[in-house]
């Protein structure tokens, strides 16, 4: 407790640069080591860390140092969400909003205005152009480290999907479409994380209707109660229907990955995604 309090005092003293990054990184490391025992400090930690992120459009943070600071904050969030789920609950909404923004954080690159709207999905005549969206993989900027922020944000989203089964319906509504749109990600490693993140979301939905290993007797009792509650069963069925309705959009986004001339790993991950989709819906790809 004394160490954490001293570290937080250093952040509150408005230290900048490497000192602040190191302090935040240290707290994140402590969280991974001591787990839930850091939970009692989250009420003080979270506002400080959220403030350290600053808005994505803040140009003063669009530097290598800024990206590293944000990356360290996001790694800490990932740890807090997974290891202190109860204490993190009051802050999930703010974290989720920030992660949705930073998943798209790419200030040095413009993806164009081509939206993944439903009209495009119905227009199969454009299939030959699917690979073009990735032709910009050749874009390179050695000074651009914003990919670190996007990858870290995706890991926090993944942690939220895994640790908040009670929020899956809301999470799907807020995150699914954005993640599918991010299949156009220019950096191959980040694109791989996007696909894996979406896969985890589908897996979590598929597992929501199945018995899960409870982390405590109380959680086990809650799961047993949910399993027999008609309301829970209806909610799970409704969520699966939403996923089923998005199958054309999922197939289209996956096809773009397959048509990309580069990147074997994203293609392999997309195959896994489709396998998870079939397992979750007990089919669903017959028309595709």
Protein backbone atom coordinates (compact mmCIF):
# COMPACT_ATOMS: atom_id res chain seq x y z
CA UNK A 1 0.00 0.00 0.00
CA UNK A 2 2.77 2.42 0.89
CA UNK A 3 4.55 1.83 -2.44
CA UNK A 4 1.38 2.40 -4.46
CA UNK A 5 0.53 5.55 -2.52
CA UNK A 6 4.00 6.95 -3.14
CA UNK A 7 3.73 6.16 -6.86
CA UNK A 8 0.34 7.83 -7.11
CA UNK A 9 1.69 10.91 -5.37
CA UNK A 10 4.38 11.11 -8.04
CA UNK A 11 1.73 11.07 -10.78
CA UNK A 12 -0.35 13.66 -8.96
CA UNK A 13 2.77 15.86 -8.76
CA UNK A 14 2.36 16.29 -12.55
CA UNK A 15 5.65 14.67 -13.43
CA UNK A 16 6.13 14.45 -17.16
CA UNK A 17 8.06 12.45 -19.70
CA UNK A 18 9.87 9.26 -18.86
CA UNK A 19 9.28 9.58 -15.09
CA UNK A 20 5.52 9.55 -15.54
CA UNK A 21 5.65 6.66 -18.03
CA UNK A 22 7.84 4.66 -15.67
CA UNK A 23 5.56 5.31 -12.71
CA UNK A 24 2.45 4.24 -14.63
CA UNK A 25 4.25 1.19 -15.97
CA UNK A 26 5.30 0.26 -12.43
CA UNK A 27 1.72 0.43 -11.16
CA UNK A 28 0.61 -1.76 -14.04
CA UNK A 29 3.31 -4.29 -13.19
CA UNK A 30 2.25 -4.27 -9.54
CA UNK A 31 -1.32 -4.96 -10.63
CA UNK A 32 -0.25 -8.01 -12.61
CA UNK A 33 1.76 -9.27 -9.63
CA UNK A 34 -0.62 -8.67 -6.73
CA UNK A 35 -3.91 -8.94 -8.61
CA UNK A 36 -7.07 -8.02 -6.74
CA UNK A 37 -5.13 -6.51 -3.83
CA UNK A 38 -4.60 -3.37 -5.86
CA UNK A 39 -8.36 -2.99 -6.18
CA UNK A 40 -8.64 -0.83 -3.07
CA UNK A 41 -6.59 1.86 -4.86
CA UNK A 42 -8.57 1.95 -8.13
CA UNK A 43 -10.79 4.84 -7.05
CA UNK A 44 -7.67 6.95 -6.94
CA UNK A 45 -5.79 5.32 -9.82
CA UNK A 46 -8.45 5.35 -12.54
CA UNK A 47 -9.11 9.12 -12.70
CA UNK A 48 -5.37 9.78 -12.85
CA UNK A 49 -4.78 7.24 -15.60
CA UNK A 50 -7.78 8.37 -17.64
CA UNK A 51 -6.55 11.94 -17.41
CA UNK A 52 -3.08 10.82 -18.53
CA UNK A 53 -4.55 9.38 -21.74
CA UNK A 54 -5.89 12.76 -22.90
CA UNK A 55 -8.24 12.91 -25.92
CA UNK A 56 -7.04 11.15 -29.11
CA UNK A 57 -7.09 14.46 -30.99
CA UNK A 58 -4.62 16.08 -28.56
CA UNK A 59 -1.69 16.87 -30.86
CA UNK A 60 0.73 17.25 -27.95
CA UNK A 61 0.38 13.50 -27.41
CA UNK A 62 0.95 12.55 -31.05
CA UNK A 63 4.61 11.77 -30.44
CA UNK A 64 6.58 8.64 -29.68
CA UNK A 65 6.69 9.60 -26.01
CA UNK A 66 2.94 10.21 -25.99
CA UNK A 67 2.26 6.85 -27.63
CA UNK A 68 4.43 5.07 -25.07
CA UNK A 69 2.66 6.82 -22.20
CA UNK A 70 -0.74 5.84 -23.58
CA UNK A 71 0.43 2.29 -24.22
CA UNK A 72 1.51 1.95 -20.58
CA UNK A 73 -1.80 3.33 -19.35
CA UNK A 74 -3.74 0.90 -21.53
CA UNK A 75 -1.66 -2.07 -20.40
CA UNK A 76 -2.51 -1.09 -16.83
CA UNK A 77 -6.22 -0.89 -17.71
CA UNK A 78 -6.05 -4.39 -19.16
CA UNK A 79 -4.65 -5.66 -15.88
CA UNK A 80 -7.17 -3.76 -13.76
CA UNK A 81 -10.13 -5.06 -15.77
CA UNK A 82 -9.01 -8.68 -15.54
CA UNK A 83 -7.60 -8.77 -12.02
CA UNK A 84 -9.84 -6.30 -10.20
CA UNK A 85 -13.19 -6.78 -12.00
CA UNK A 86 -15.37 -5.78 -9.04
CA UNK A 87 -13.44 -2.61 -8.21
CA UNK A 88 -13.17 -1.72 -11.91
CA UNK A 89 -16.94 -1.88 -12.44
CA UNK A 90 -17.65 1.83 -11.77
CA UNK A 91 -15.02 2.79 -14.35
CA UNK A 92 -15.88 0.35 -17.15
CA UNK A 93 -18.02 2.84 -19.05
CA UNK A 94 -15.26 5.47 -19.21
CA UNK A 95 -12.68 2.85 -20.14
CA UNK A 96 -14.90 1.40 -22.86
CA UNK A 97 -15.54 4.80 -24.43
CA UNK A 98 -11.82 5.54 -24.47
CA UNK A 99 -10.94 2.13 -25.93
CA UNK A 100 -13.42 2.52 -28.79
CA UNK A 101 -11.76 5.81 -29.63
CA UNK A 102 -8.18 4.57 -29.37
CA UNK A 103 -8.89 1.42 -31.36
CA UNK A 104 -9.27 3.80 -34.31
CA UNK A 105 -6.39 6.06 -33.30
CA UNK A 106 -4.25 6.54 -36.42
CA UNK A 107 -3.46 10.26 -36.72
CA UNK A 108 -0.90 9.90 -39.50
CA UNK A 109 -3.02 7.97 -41.95
CA UNK A 110 -6.35 8.51 -43.72
CA UNK A 111 -8.39 5.44 -44.64
CA UNK A 112 -10.81 7.24 -46.93
CA UNK A 113 -14.56 7.58 -46.66
CA UNK A 114 -15.55 4.11 -47.83
CA UNK A 115 -18.02 2.91 -45.21
CA UNK A 116 -19.03 -0.69 -44.69
CA UNK A 117 -22.69 0.13 -45.22
CA UNK A 118 -25.40 -2.28 -46.16
CA UNK A 119 -25.54 -1.08 -49.75
CA UNK A 120 -21.96 -2.20 -50.28
CA UNK A 121 -22.74 -5.57 -48.78
CA UNK A 122 -25.52 -6.17 -51.25
CA UNK A 123 -23.39 -5.14 -54.19
CA UNK A 124 -21.42 -8.23 -55.12
CA UNK A 125 -20.16 -6.60 -58.31
CA UNK A 126 -17.44 -4.87 -56.31
CA UNK A 127 -15.92 -8.10 -54.98
CA UNK A 128 -12.88 -7.77 -57.23
CA UNK A 129 -11.96 -4.56 -55.47
CA UNK A 130 -11.82 -6.10 -52.00
CA UNK A 131 -8.07 -6.39 -51.98
CA UNK A 132 -7.49 -2.77 -52.93
CA UNK A 133 -8.20 -1.51 -49.44
CA UNK A 134 -5.05 -3.20 -48.21
CA UNK A 135 -2.78 -2.00 -51.01
CA UNK A 136 -1.61 0.73 -48.65
CA UNK A 137 0.19 -1.83 -46.49
CA UNK A 138 3.31 -0.47 -48.17
CA UNK A 139 2.77 2.77 -46.28
CA UNK A 140 5.61 3.15 -43.84
CA UNK A 141 6.62 5.74 -41.32
CA UNK A 142 9.39 4.69 -39.01
CA UNK A 143 8.47 7.47 -36.59
CA UNK A 144 4.82 6.42 -36.39
CA UNK A 145 4.26 4.42 -33.20
CA UNK A 146 0.49 4.92 -32.98
CA UNK A 147 0.04 1.19 -33.74
CA UNK A 148 1.19 0.52 -30.17
CA UNK A 149 -1.80 2.46 -28.85
CA UNK A 150 -4.28 0.66 -31.12
CA UNK A 151 -2.94 -2.76 -30.12
CA UNK A 152 -3.06 -1.91 -26.43
CA UNK A 153 -6.63 -0.59 -26.74
CA UNK A 154 -7.73 -3.82 -28.43
CA UNK A 155 -6.26 -5.84 -25.57
CA UNK A 156 -8.32 -3.82 -23.09
CA UNK A 157 -11.46 -4.46 -25.16
CA UNK A 158 -10.64 -8.16 -25.17
CA UNK A 159 -10.25 -8.09 -21.38
CA UNK A 160 -13.66 -6.40 -21.05
CA UNK A 161 -15.30 -9.03 -23.27
CA UNK A 162 -13.82 -11.82 -21.15
CA UNK A 163 -14.56 -10.31 -17.74
CA UNK A 164 -18.03 -8.77 -18.24
CA UNK A 165 -20.39 -11.54 -19.40
CA UNK A 166 -23.31 -9.60 -17.96
CA UNK A 167 -22.61 -6.79 -20.46
CA UNK A 168 -22.29 -8.88 -23.62
CA UNK A 169 -25.47 -7.63 -25.26
CA UNK A 170 -24.44 -4.02 -24.76
CA UNK A 171 -20.84 -4.73 -25.74
CA UNK A 172 -21.89 -6.40 -28.96
CA UNK A 173 -24.09 -3.48 -29.87
CA UNK A 174 -21.35 -0.94 -29.24
CA UNK A 175 -18.26 -2.81 -30.43
CA UNK A 176 -19.11 -5.36 -33.12
CA UNK A 177 -19.61 -2.99 -36.05
CA UNK A 178 -16.58 -0.88 -35.17
CA UNK A 179 -14.34 -3.96 -34.99
CA UNK A 180 -15.58 -5.21 -38.36
CA UNK A 181 -14.81 -1.82 -39.88
CA UNK A 182 -11.31 -2.04 -38.39
CA UNK A 183 -10.58 -5.15 -40.46
CA UNK A 184 -9.24 -2.53 -42.89
CA UNK A 185 -6.41 -1.76 -40.42
CA UNK A 186 -3.22 -0.99 -42.36
CA UNK A 187 -0.79 -2.59 -39.88
CA UNK A 188 -0.85 -6.37 -40.18
CA UNK A 189 -0.17 -7.06 -36.51
CA UNK A 190 -2.89 -4.68 -35.38
CA UNK A 191 -5.27 -6.16 -37.97
CA UNK A 192 -4.53 -9.56 -36.47
CA UNK A 193 -5.45 -8.21 -33.04
CA UNK A 194 -8.69 -6.75 -34.41
CA UNK A 195 -9.72 -10.12 -35.83
CA UNK A 196 -8.77 -11.92 -32.63
CA UNK A 197 -10.67 -9.38 -30.54
CA UNK A 198 -13.82 -9.91 -32.60
CA UNK A 199 -13.33 -13.67 -32.27
CA UNK A 200 -13.18 -13.37 -28.49
CA UNK A 201 -16.41 -11.37 -28.56
CA UNK A 202 -18.13 -14.15 -30.52
CA UNK A 203 -16.66 -16.82 -28.24
CA UNK A 204 -17.90 -14.97 -25.17
CA UNK A 205 -21.39 -14.80 -26.67
CA UNK A 206 -21.30 -18.49 -27.54
CA UNK A 207 -20.15 -19.37 -24.03
CA UNK A 208 -22.74 -17.14 -22.36
CA UNK A 209 -25.38 -19.80 -22.75
CA UNK A 210 -23.13 -22.58 -21.48
CA UNK A 211 -21.96 -23.46 -17.96
CA UNK A 212 -18.72 -21.65 -17.13
CA UNK A 213 -16.15 -22.29 -14.49
CA UNK A 214 -17.01 -19.94 -11.66
CA UNK A 215 -14.26 -18.02 -9.89
CA UNK A 216 -16.11 -18.15 -6.57
CA UNK A 217 -19.04 -19.86 -4.86
CA UNK A 218 -21.04 -16.65 -5.20
CA UNK A 219 -20.35 -16.44 -8.93
CA UNK A 220 -21.28 -20.11 -9.32
CA UNK A 221 -24.62 -19.49 -7.60
CA UNK A 222 -25.29 -16.51 -9.87
CA UNK A 223 -24.54 -18.64 -12.94
CA UNK A 224 -26.91 -21.35 -11.76
CA UNK A 225 -29.64 -18.78 -11.18
CA UNK A 226 -29.10 -17.22 -14.61
CA UNK A 227 -29.23 -20.61 -16.29
CA UNK A 228 -32.81 -21.16 -15.15
CA UNK A 229 -34.09 -17.62 -15.51
CA UNK A 230 -36.33 -17.25 -18.60
CA UNK A 231 -35.25 -13.62 -18.94
CA UNK A 232 -31.60 -14.63 -19.23
CA UNK A 233 -32.43 -17.32 -21.76
CA UNK A 234 -34.43 -14.84 -23.85
CA UNK A 235 -31.63 -12.28 -23.72
CA UNK A 236 -29.09 -14.85 -24.89
CA UNK A 237 -31.37 -15.97 -27.73
CA UNK A 238 -31.91 -12.36 -28.79
CA UNK A 239 -28.17 -11.73 -28.82
CA UNK A 240 -27.59 -14.79 -31.00
CA UNK A 241 -30.22 -13.46 -33.40
CA UNK A 242 -28.31 -10.18 -33.61
CA UNK A 243 -25.15 -12.07 -34.48
CA UNK A 244 -27.04 -14.07 -37.07
CA UNK A 245 -28.30 -10.86 -38.63
CA UNK A 246 -24.72 -9.62 -38.92
CA UNK A 247 -23.46 -12.72 -40.73
CA UNK A 248 -23.42 -11.02 -44.18
CA UNK A 249 -21.36 -8.17 -42.74
CA UNK A 250 -18.97 -10.62 -41.06
CA UNK A 251 -18.56 -12.61 -44.28
CA UNK A 252 -17.86 -9.48 -46.29
CA UNK A 253 -15.23 -8.24 -43.84
CA UNK A 254 -13.64 -11.72 -43.80
CA UNK A 255 -13.59 -11.87 -47.59
CA UNK A 256 -11.59 -8.65 -47.68
CA UNK A 257 -8.96 -10.26 -45.48
CA UNK A 258 -8.79 -13.35 -47.70
CA UNK A 259 -8.43 -11.22 -50.84
CA UNK A 260 -5.53 -9.30 -49.36
CA UNK A 261 -2.36 -10.39 -51.12
CA UNK A 262 -0.33 -10.01 -47.93
CA UNK A 263 -0.60 -11.42 -44.45
CA UNK A 264 -0.93 -15.15 -43.80
CA UNK A 265 -1.62 -14.81 -40.07
CA UNK A 266 -4.70 -12.57 -40.46
CA UNK A 267 -6.13 -15.07 -42.93
CA UNK A 268 -5.56 -17.95 -40.51
CA UNK A 269 -7.17 -15.94 -37.71
CA UNK A 270 -10.13 -15.14 -39.95
CA UNK A 271 -10.65 -18.83 -40.58
CA UNK A 272 -10.72 -19.35 -36.83
CA UNK A 273 -13.22 -16.49 -36.52
CA UNK A 274 -15.53 -18.16 -39.03
CA UNK A 275 -15.19 -21.47 -37.19
CA UNK A 276 -16.16 -19.75 -33.94
CA UNK A 277 -19.07 -18.09 -35.74
CA UNK A 278 -20.35 -21.47 -36.93
CA UNK A 279 -19.94 -22.93 -33.43
CA UNK A 280 -21.73 -19.97 -31.84
CA UNK A 281 -24.69 -20.07 -34.23
CA UNK A 282 -24.64 -23.82 -34.75
CA UNK A 283 -24.29 -23.13 -38.45
CA UNK A 284 -25.18 -19.84 -40.09
CA UNK A 285 -22.97 -19.85 -43.19
CA UNK A 286 -25.16 -22.00 -45.46
CA UNK A 287 -26.05 -19.08 -47.70
CA UNK A 288 -22.45 -17.92 -48.00
